[in-house]
N, C-alpha and C. Protein backbone atom coordinates (compact mmCIF):
# COMPACT_ATOMS: atom_id res chain seq x y z
N MET A 1 0.99 -1.24 0.00
CA MET A 1 0.07 0.29 -0.09
C MET A 1 1.08 1.12 0.04
N ALA A 2 0.73 2.13 -0.91
CA ALA A 2 1.38 3.49 -0.92
C ALA A 2 0.75 4.33 0.32
N VAL A 3 2.11 4.95 0.24
CA VAL A 3 1.53 6.14 1.99
C VAL A 3 0.85 6.40 1.31
N SER A 4 0.42 7.36 -0.11
CA SER A 4 -0.84 8.13 0.32
C SER A 4 -2.14 7.50 0.24
N GLU A 5 -2.34 5.82 0.02
CA GLU A 5 -2.90 5.37 0.35
C GLU A 5 -3.49 4.86 2.01
N ILE A 6 -2.42 5.37 2.76
CA ILE A 6 -2.95 4.85 4.10
C ILE A 6 -4.19 5.82 4.84
N ASP A 7 -4.60 6.46 4.24
CA ASP A 7 -6.10 7.21 5.18
C ASP A 7 -7.12 7.32 3.94
N THR A 8 -7.05 6.27 3.49
CA THR A 8 -7.98 5.87 2.33
C THR A 8 -8.71 4.44 2.49
N VAL A 9 -9.86 4.73 2.05
CA VAL A 9 -11.04 3.44 2.27
C VAL A 9 -11.24 3.49 0.35
N ILE A 10 -11.18 2.30 0.17
CA ILE A 10 -11.71 1.56 -1.47
C ILE A 10 -12.77 0.88 -1.65
N CYS A 11 -14.13 0.78 -1.96
CA CYS A 11 -14.94 -0.24 -1.54
C CYS A 11 -15.58 -0.20 -3.72
N GLU A 12 -15.83 -1.50 -3.78
CA GLU A 12 -15.73 -1.50 -5.43
C GLU A 12 -17.08 -2.85 -5.22
N THR A 13 -18.07 -2.53 -5.81
CA THR A 13 -19.54 -3.48 -6.52
C THR A 13 -19.38 -3.08 -7.91
N VAL A 14 -20.48 -4.43 -8.42
CA VAL A 14 -20.48 -4.24 -9.65
C VAL A 14 -22.46 -3.85 -9.65
N ILE A 15 -22.73 -3.47 -10.21
CA ILE A 15 -24.27 -3.39 -10.18
C ILE A 15 -24.74 -3.56 -11.94
N ALA A 16 -25.70 -4.22 -12.14
CA ALA A 16 -26.60 -4.84 -13.26
C ALA A 16 -27.62 -4.08 -13.69
N ALA A 17 -26.41 -2.57 -13.80
CA ALA A 17 -27.55 -1.17 -14.73
C ALA A 17 -26.35 -0.81 -15.53
N GLN A 18 -26.89 0.46 -16.42
CA GLN A 18 -25.70 0.64 -16.96
C GLN A 18 -25.11 2.28 -16.28
N PRO A 19 -24.12 3.11 -16.39
CA PRO A 19 -23.38 4.04 -15.82
C PRO A 19 -24.32 4.88 -15.73
N GLU A 20 -25.36 5.40 -16.89
CA GLU A 20 -26.23 7.00 -17.06
C GLU A 20 -27.23 6.06 -15.50
N THR A 21 -27.68 4.95 -15.37
CA THR A 21 -28.55 5.03 -13.82
C THR A 21 -28.12 4.71 -12.94
N VAL A 22 -26.87 4.18 -12.74
CA VAL A 22 -26.26 4.57 -11.71
C VAL A 22 -25.67 5.78 -11.54
N PHE A 23 -25.23 6.60 -12.08
CA PHE A 23 -25.20 7.85 -12.31
C PHE A 23 -26.23 8.84 -11.02
N ALA A 24 -27.01 8.50 -12.10
CA ALA A 24 -28.03 9.14 -11.54
C ALA A 24 -28.60 9.06 -10.02
N PHE A 25 -28.04 7.88 -9.89
CA PHE A 25 -28.75 7.84 -7.94
C PHE A 25 -27.27 8.44 -6.72
N PHE A 26 -26.45 9.08 -7.72
CA PHE A 26 -25.69 9.66 -6.55
C PHE A 26 -25.73 10.84 -7.16
N THR A 27 -26.58 11.51 -7.91
CA THR A 27 -26.99 12.89 -8.63
C THR A 27 -28.25 13.67 -8.83
N GLU A 28 -29.27 12.11 -7.69
CA GLU A 28 -30.59 13.28 -8.25
C GLU A 28 -30.82 12.88 -7.01
N PRO A 29 -31.61 13.80 -5.81
CA PRO A 29 -32.11 13.79 -4.70
C PRO A 29 -32.90 12.70 -4.24
N GLU A 30 -34.01 12.91 -4.72
CA GLU A 30 -34.82 11.89 -4.82
C GLU A 30 -34.41 10.27 -5.25
N LEU A 31 -33.38 10.09 -5.84
CA LEU A 31 -32.84 8.74 -5.94
C LEU A 31 -31.82 8.41 -5.24
N TYR A 32 -31.19 9.44 -4.83
CA TYR A 32 -29.97 9.21 -3.84
C TYR A 32 -30.84 8.81 -2.42
N THR A 33 -31.75 9.22 -1.84
CA THR A 33 -32.42 8.77 -0.40
C THR A 33 -33.21 7.05 -0.30
N ARG A 34 -33.35 6.91 -1.52
CA ARG A 34 -33.57 5.29 -1.90
C ARG A 34 -32.58 4.31 -1.01
N TRP A 35 -31.42 5.00 -1.17
CA TRP A 35 -29.96 3.62 -0.75
C TRP A 35 -29.03 4.77 0.30
N MET A 36 -29.44 5.43 0.23
CA MET A 36 -28.59 6.17 1.91
C MET A 36 -29.49 7.90 1.91
N GLY A 37 -29.47 8.15 3.42
CA GLY A 37 -30.26 9.11 3.89
C GLY A 37 -31.50 9.19 3.60
N ALA A 38 -32.13 10.54 5.01
CA ALA A 38 -33.58 10.24 4.75
C ALA A 38 -33.80 12.04 3.75
N ARG A 39 -32.60 12.65 3.89
CA ARG A 39 -32.82 13.96 3.12
C ARG A 39 -31.49 14.01 2.53
N ALA A 40 -31.57 14.75 1.04
CA ALA A 40 -30.72 14.69 0.51
C ALA A 40 -30.82 16.12 -0.38
N ARG A 41 -29.94 16.90 -0.53
CA ARG A 41 -29.51 18.99 -1.18
C ARG A 41 -28.31 18.10 -1.64
N LEU A 42 -28.39 18.27 -2.96
CA LEU A 42 -27.17 17.87 -4.02
C LEU A 42 -27.90 18.66 -5.19
N ASP A 43 -26.58 19.60 -5.13
CA ASP A 43 -25.82 20.79 -6.15
C ASP A 43 -25.16 19.84 -7.28
N PRO A 44 -25.20 19.09 -8.16
CA PRO A 44 -23.98 18.24 -8.79
C PRO A 44 -23.48 19.60 -10.08
N ARG A 45 -22.73 20.02 -9.61
CA ARG A 45 -22.28 20.65 -10.02
C ARG A 45 -20.68 21.28 -9.37
N PRO A 46 -19.27 21.23 -9.75
CA PRO A 46 -18.02 22.11 -9.12
C PRO A 46 -18.67 23.06 -8.28
N GLY A 47 -18.59 23.21 -7.24
CA GLY A 47 -18.52 24.20 -6.43
C GLY A 47 -20.39 23.79 -5.50
N GLY A 48 -21.11 22.86 -6.02
CA GLY A 48 -22.04 23.08 -5.57
C GLY A 48 -22.64 22.27 -4.42
N THR A 49 -23.62 22.00 -3.37
CA THR A 49 -23.89 21.53 -2.73
C THR A 49 -23.87 19.80 -2.27
N TYR A 50 -23.53 19.47 -1.39
CA TYR A 50 -23.69 18.09 -1.16
C TYR A 50 -24.15 17.95 0.31
N ALA A 51 -25.47 17.91 0.64
CA ALA A 51 -25.46 17.26 1.80
C ALA A 51 -26.45 16.79 1.95
N VAL A 52 -26.53 15.19 2.90
CA VAL A 52 -26.79 14.29 3.17
C VAL A 52 -27.65 13.62 4.47
N ASP A 53 -28.38 14.29 4.72
CA ASP A 53 -28.77 13.77 6.08
C ASP A 53 -29.21 12.24 6.61
N ILE A 54 -28.08 11.54 7.10
CA ILE A 54 -28.62 10.23 7.59
C ILE A 54 -29.93 10.42 8.48
N ASN A 55 -29.97 11.11 9.64
CA ASN A 55 -31.17 10.79 10.09
C ASN A 55 -30.98 12.71 11.17
N GLN A 56 -31.30 12.89 12.00
CA GLN A 56 -31.40 14.00 12.59
C GLN A 56 -30.00 14.63 13.42
N VAL A 57 -29.14 13.86 13.24
CA VAL A 57 -27.78 13.87 14.06
C VAL A 57 -26.76 13.67 13.19
N ALA A 58 -26.52 12.41 12.42
CA ALA A 58 -25.66 11.94 11.62
C ALA A 58 -26.11 12.90 9.68
N LEU A 59 -25.52 14.18 9.99
CA LEU A 59 -25.53 14.94 8.75
C LEU A 59 -24.02 15.13 8.09
N ALA A 60 -24.22 14.72 6.86
CA ALA A 60 -22.44 15.06 5.63
C ALA A 60 -22.59 16.04 5.06
N ARG A 61 -21.91 16.95 4.88
CA ARG A 61 -21.72 17.69 4.34
C ARG A 61 -20.56 18.06 3.99
N GLY A 62 -20.82 18.40 2.25
CA GLY A 62 -19.81 18.41 1.47
C GLY A 62 -19.58 19.62 0.26
N THR A 63 -18.79 19.36 -0.55
CA THR A 63 -19.07 19.79 -1.96
C THR A 63 -18.66 19.55 -3.19
N PHE A 64 -19.43 19.12 -4.06
CA PHE A 64 -19.01 18.99 -5.29
C PHE A 64 -17.94 19.28 -6.02
N LEU A 65 -16.57 18.87 -6.70
CA LEU A 65 -15.55 19.33 -6.79
C LEU A 65 -15.37 19.04 -8.36
N GLU A 66 -15.94 17.62 -8.81
CA GLU A 66 -15.95 17.28 -10.45
C GLU A 66 -17.12 16.37 -10.67
N VAL A 67 -17.88 16.77 -11.49
CA VAL A 67 -18.85 16.02 -12.06
C VAL A 67 -18.73 15.57 -13.40
N ILE A 68 -18.81 14.51 -14.18
CA ILE A 68 -18.33 14.02 -15.19
C ILE A 68 -19.65 13.27 -15.38
N PRO A 69 -20.69 13.62 -16.49
CA PRO A 69 -21.87 12.71 -16.52
C PRO A 69 -21.79 10.58 -16.90
N HIS A 70 -22.10 10.41 -16.32
CA HIS A 70 -22.42 9.06 -16.44
C HIS A 70 -20.85 8.18 -16.47
N SER A 71 -19.75 9.18 -15.72
CA SER A 71 -18.45 8.13 -15.17
C SER A 71 -17.93 8.54 -13.96
N ARG A 72 -18.19 9.85 -13.73
CA ARG A 72 -17.35 10.12 -12.19
C ARG A 72 -17.90 11.31 -11.89
N VAL A 73 -17.90 11.07 -10.28
CA VAL A 73 -18.67 12.32 -9.30
C VAL A 73 -17.44 12.21 -8.40
N VAL A 74 -17.15 13.48 -7.34
CA VAL A 74 -15.99 13.64 -6.80
C VAL A 74 -16.66 14.59 -6.05
N PHE A 75 -16.37 14.25 -4.52
CA PHE A 75 -17.17 15.75 -3.93
C PHE A 75 -16.31 15.56 -1.76
N THR A 76 -16.36 16.65 -1.70
CA THR A 76 -15.69 16.57 -0.40
C THR A 76 -16.50 16.19 1.03
N PHE A 77 -16.80 15.41 2.05
CA PHE A 77 -17.43 14.93 2.50
C PHE A 77 -16.91 14.89 4.56
N GLY A 78 -17.47 15.27 4.86
CA GLY A 78 -17.56 15.23 6.90
C GLY A 78 -18.84 15.29 7.66
N TRP A 79 -19.04 15.38 8.58
CA TRP A 79 -20.25 15.94 9.06
C TRP A 79 -20.23 16.83 10.09
N GLU A 80 -21.19 17.75 10.30
CA GLU A 80 -21.58 18.06 10.58
C GLU A 80 -21.74 18.00 12.50
N GLY A 81 -21.45 19.17 13.13
CA GLY A 81 -21.21 18.65 14.52
C GLY A 81 -20.18 19.24 15.19
N ASP A 82 -19.76 19.58 16.37
CA ASP A 82 -18.70 20.09 17.08
C ASP A 82 -17.72 18.61 17.51
N ASP A 83 -18.57 17.69 17.41
CA ASP A 83 -17.69 16.59 18.37
C ASP A 83 -17.39 15.40 17.10
N GLN A 84 -17.69 16.44 16.17
CA GLN A 84 -17.24 15.09 14.83
C GLN A 84 -15.77 15.21 14.78
N PRO A 85 -15.13 13.99 14.57
CA PRO A 85 -13.88 13.65 14.20
C PRO A 85 -13.45 13.68 12.96
N LEU A 86 -14.53 13.95 11.95
CA LEU A 86 -14.63 14.48 10.32
C LEU A 86 -15.30 15.40 10.04
N GLY A 87 -14.73 16.37 10.52
CA GLY A 87 -15.71 17.54 9.77
C GLY A 87 -16.06 17.82 8.38
N PRO A 88 -17.35 18.69 8.18
CA PRO A 88 -17.55 18.79 6.77
C PRO A 88 -16.59 19.49 6.10
N GLY A 89 -16.23 18.44 4.57
CA GLY A 89 -15.68 18.88 3.60
C GLY A 89 -14.22 18.31 3.84
N ALA A 90 -13.46 17.49 4.86
CA ALA A 90 -12.47 16.99 5.88
C ALA A 90 -11.81 16.25 4.78
N SER A 91 -12.70 15.18 4.14
CA SER A 91 -12.38 14.25 3.22
C SER A 91 -12.88 14.19 1.78
N THR A 92 -12.38 13.41 1.15
CA THR A 92 -12.90 13.61 -0.07
C THR A 92 -13.43 12.07 -0.99
N VAL A 93 -14.56 11.86 -1.48
CA VAL A 93 -14.98 10.48 -2.06
C VAL A 93 -14.58 11.19 -3.40
N GLU A 94 -14.35 9.52 -4.15
CA GLU A 94 -14.37 9.74 -5.33
C GLU A 94 -14.94 8.73 -5.98
N VAL A 95 -15.76 8.57 -6.56
CA VAL A 95 -16.88 7.65 -7.23
C VAL A 95 -16.56 7.50 -9.02
N THR A 96 -16.60 6.15 -9.68
CA THR A 96 -15.83 6.22 -10.78
C THR A 96 -16.98 5.29 -11.26
N LEU A 97 -17.10 5.20 -12.22
CA LEU A 97 -18.38 4.67 -12.63
C LEU A 97 -17.97 3.23 -14.37
N THR A 98 -17.62 2.77 -14.36
CA THR A 98 -16.82 1.86 -15.51
C THR A 98 -17.92 0.92 -16.34
N PRO A 99 -18.58 1.48 -17.70
CA PRO A 99 -19.09 0.07 -18.26
C PRO A 99 -18.34 -1.21 -18.20
N ILE A 100 -18.82 -2.07 -17.98
CA ILE A 100 -18.98 -3.62 -18.22
C ILE A 100 -19.73 -4.53 -18.76
N ALA A 101 -19.78 -5.56 -19.30
CA ALA A 101 -20.67 -6.63 -19.83
C ALA A 101 -21.88 -6.81 -18.78
N ALA A 102 -21.49 -6.94 -17.15
CA ALA A 102 -22.04 -7.30 -16.45
C ALA A 102 -23.17 -5.88 -16.13
N GLY A 103 -22.67 -4.84 -16.57
CA GLY A 103 -23.41 -3.40 -16.20
C GLY A 103 -22.49 -2.29 -16.18
N THR A 104 -22.20 -2.11 -14.52
CA THR A 104 -21.34 -1.48 -14.28
C THR A 104 -20.71 -1.51 -12.89
N HIS A 105 -19.16 -0.61 -13.18
CA HIS A 105 -18.15 -1.42 -12.37
C HIS A 105 -18.39 0.10 -11.40
N VAL A 106 -18.81 0.03 -9.97
CA VAL A 106 -18.39 1.18 -9.35
C VAL A 106 -17.37 0.85 -8.09
N ARG A 107 -16.38 2.02 -8.62
CA ARG A 107 -15.28 1.84 -7.51
C ARG A 107 -15.73 3.96 -6.96
N LEU A 108 -15.43 3.20 -5.48
CA LEU A 108 -15.56 4.28 -4.46
C LEU A 108 -14.35 4.36 -3.29
N VAL A 109 -13.69 5.61 -3.76
CA VAL A 109 -12.07 6.15 -3.03
C VAL A 109 -12.73 6.50 -2.44
N HIS A 110 -12.72 6.70 -0.91
CA HIS A 110 -12.74 7.43 0.15
C HIS A 110 -11.40 8.04 1.04
N ARG A 111 -10.69 9.25 0.39
CA ARG A 111 -9.39 9.32 1.37
C ARG A 111 -9.86 10.92 2.32
N GLY A 112 -8.74 10.66 3.08
CA GLY A 112 -8.57 11.49 4.04
C GLY A 112 -9.05 11.34 5.01
N LEU A 113 -8.80 9.86 6.08
CA LEU A 113 -9.53 9.27 6.89
C LEU A 113 -8.33 8.56 7.52
N ARG A 114 -7.89 9.71 8.53
CA ARG A 114 -6.66 9.87 9.23
C ARG A 114 -6.49 8.30 10.24
N VAL A 115 -7.82 8.47 10.97
CA VAL A 115 -7.99 7.92 12.27
C VAL A 115 -7.92 6.46 11.69
N SER A 116 -7.64 5.37 12.51
CA SER A 116 -7.69 4.06 11.90
C SER A 116 -9.38 3.88 12.15
N GLU A 117 -10.01 4.12 13.40
CA GLU A 117 -11.55 3.98 13.66
C GLU A 117 -12.47 4.61 12.68
N VAL A 118 -12.26 5.98 12.33
CA VAL A 118 -12.55 6.61 11.36
C VAL A 118 -12.48 5.65 10.20
N ARG A 119 -11.91 5.42 9.49
CA ARG A 119 -11.63 4.79 8.52
C ARG A 119 -12.38 3.09 8.37
N ASP A 120 -12.53 2.78 9.59
CA ASP A 120 -13.20 1.57 9.33
C ASP A 120 -14.52 2.06 9.31
N GLN A 121 -15.28 2.55 10.27
CA GLN A 121 -16.83 3.51 10.58
C GLN A 121 -16.97 3.58 8.87
N HIS A 122 -16.13 4.54 7.89
CA HIS A 122 -16.49 4.71 6.87
C HIS A 122 -16.44 3.43 5.75
N ARG A 123 -15.62 2.82 5.72
CA ARG A 123 -15.38 1.62 5.38
C ARG A 123 -16.34 0.24 4.97
N GLU A 124 -17.10 0.37 7.05
CA GLU A 124 -18.03 -0.59 6.90
C GLU A 124 -19.45 0.07 6.36
N GLY A 125 -19.64 1.83 6.34
CA GLY A 125 -20.90 1.94 5.59
C GLY A 125 -20.63 2.73 4.92
N TRP A 126 -19.69 2.71 3.98
CA TRP A 126 -19.87 2.84 2.18
C TRP A 126 -20.27 1.02 1.91
N GLN A 127 -19.63 0.08 2.28
CA GLN A 127 -19.66 -1.24 1.98
C GLN A 127 -21.79 -1.25 2.02
N LEU A 128 -22.32 -0.60 3.05
CA LEU A 128 -23.16 -1.34 3.46
C LEU A 128 -24.56 -0.33 2.48
N TYR A 129 -23.80 0.87 2.42
CA TYR A 129 -24.80 1.63 1.09
C TYR A 129 -24.49 1.44 -0.13
N LEU A 130 -23.25 0.76 -0.69
CA LEU A 130 -23.44 0.24 -2.31
C LEU A 130 -23.83 -0.71 -2.18
N GLY A 131 -23.97 -1.94 -1.11
CA GLY A 131 -24.86 -2.84 -1.10
C GLY A 131 -26.53 -2.36 -1.46
N ARG A 132 -26.77 -1.57 -0.39
CA ARG A 132 -28.10 -0.79 -0.72
C ARG A 132 -28.56 0.11 -2.09
N LEU A 133 -27.70 0.25 -2.59
CA LEU A 133 -27.36 1.62 -4.22
C LEU A 133 -27.39 0.19 -4.84
N GLY A 134 -27.25 -0.92 -4.94
CA GLY A 134 -27.07 -1.84 -5.89
C GLY A 134 -28.59 -2.54 -5.88
N ALA A 135 -29.52 -2.48 -4.90
CA ALA A 135 -30.66 -3.43 -4.30
C ALA A 135 -31.55 -2.23 -5.22
N SER A 136 -31.53 -1.17 -4.65
CA SER A 136 -32.58 -0.11 -5.23
C SER A 136 -32.38 0.24 -6.44
N ILE A 137 -31.30 -0.06 -7.40
CA ILE A 137 -31.41 0.12 -8.77
C ILE A 137 -32.11 -0.99 -9.20
N SER A 138 -31.76 -1.81 -8.90
CA SER A 138 -32.69 -3.69 -9.20
C SER A 138 -33.59 -3.78 -9.17
N GLY A 139 -34.06 -2.71 -8.82
CA GLY A 139 -35.89 -2.39 -8.62
C GLY A 139 -36.06 -3.24 -7.22
N GLY A 140 -35.48 -3.60 -6.10
CA GLY A 140 -35.51 -4.10 -5.01
C GLY A 140 -35.98 -3.52 -3.80
N ASP A 141 -36.31 -3.86 -2.77
CA ASP A 141 -36.18 -2.66 -1.81
C ASP A 141 -35.14 -3.05 -0.58
N PRO A 142 -34.32 -2.14 -0.28
CA PRO A 142 -33.26 -2.21 0.66
C PRO A 142 -33.46 -2.77 2.15
N GLY A 143 -34.91 -2.26 2.38
CA GLY A 143 -35.42 -2.41 3.58
C GLY A 143 -34.97 -0.78 4.37
N PRO A 144 -35.43 -0.83 5.64
CA PRO A 144 -35.04 0.50 6.04
C PRO A 144 -33.30 0.63 6.41
N ASP A 145 -33.17 1.87 6.37
CA ASP A 145 -31.82 2.23 6.75
C ASP A 145 -31.55 1.77 7.63
N PRO A 146 -30.87 1.05 7.93
CA PRO A 146 -30.14 1.03 10.21
C PRO A 146 -29.70 2.05 10.40
N ASN A 147 -29.69 2.83 9.67
CA ASN A 147 -28.71 4.24 10.58
C ASN A 147 -29.52 5.63 10.70
N ALA A 148 -30.66 4.69 10.13
CA ALA A 148 -31.96 6.36 10.04
C ALA A 148 -32.25 7.00 11.64
N ASN A 149 -32.09 6.31 12.46
CA ASN A 149 -32.48 6.65 13.58
C ASN A 149 -31.65 6.72 14.07
N PRO A 150 -31.19 8.04 14.99
CA PRO A 150 -30.09 8.27 15.69
C PRO A 150 -29.83 7.36 16.86
N PRO A 151 -28.31 7.63 17.01
CA PRO A 151 -27.96 7.13 18.48
C PRO A 151 -28.77 6.87 19.45
N ARG A 152 -29.12 6.60 20.71
CA ARG A 152 -29.71 6.80 21.63
C ARG A 152 -28.55 7.13 22.95
N GLU A 153 -28.87 8.49 23.57
CA GLU A 153 -27.86 8.63 24.83
C GLU A 153 -28.34 8.03 25.73
N GLU A 154 -27.37 6.48 26.59
CA GLU A 154 -27.62 6.25 27.56
C GLU A 154 -27.84 7.48 28.93
């Protein structure tokens, strides 16, 4: 692993749909919330807003950096709130969509995750959500988002 990859999570999957279809699920709020989050405000253009509310507490915030229709989306990413180890825009998510015979190869690279626990949490999260993305695109019901309810304080 190269030094530059130490703070990186890479998740990959194949989705049985064309890149145009998969791309829409990363850029259109009503499609985004079928697989991740309860609410999304997306302005998919360089400098545009990336805001996804997983629940009332987990609020992902960033800015779109690059949007190439049907092939690539790059945005900054972090969590709103004073107690978050990864603040809004503190990391970068790069999604590459490659057409293959079986549909689309989705490669998600999340950089800037300097703390191992944060890397592990985001790896688990992206794996969960890419599975939900595949189910949503195929017309299935991924079921309720297991992160939809905020954690309860004891």
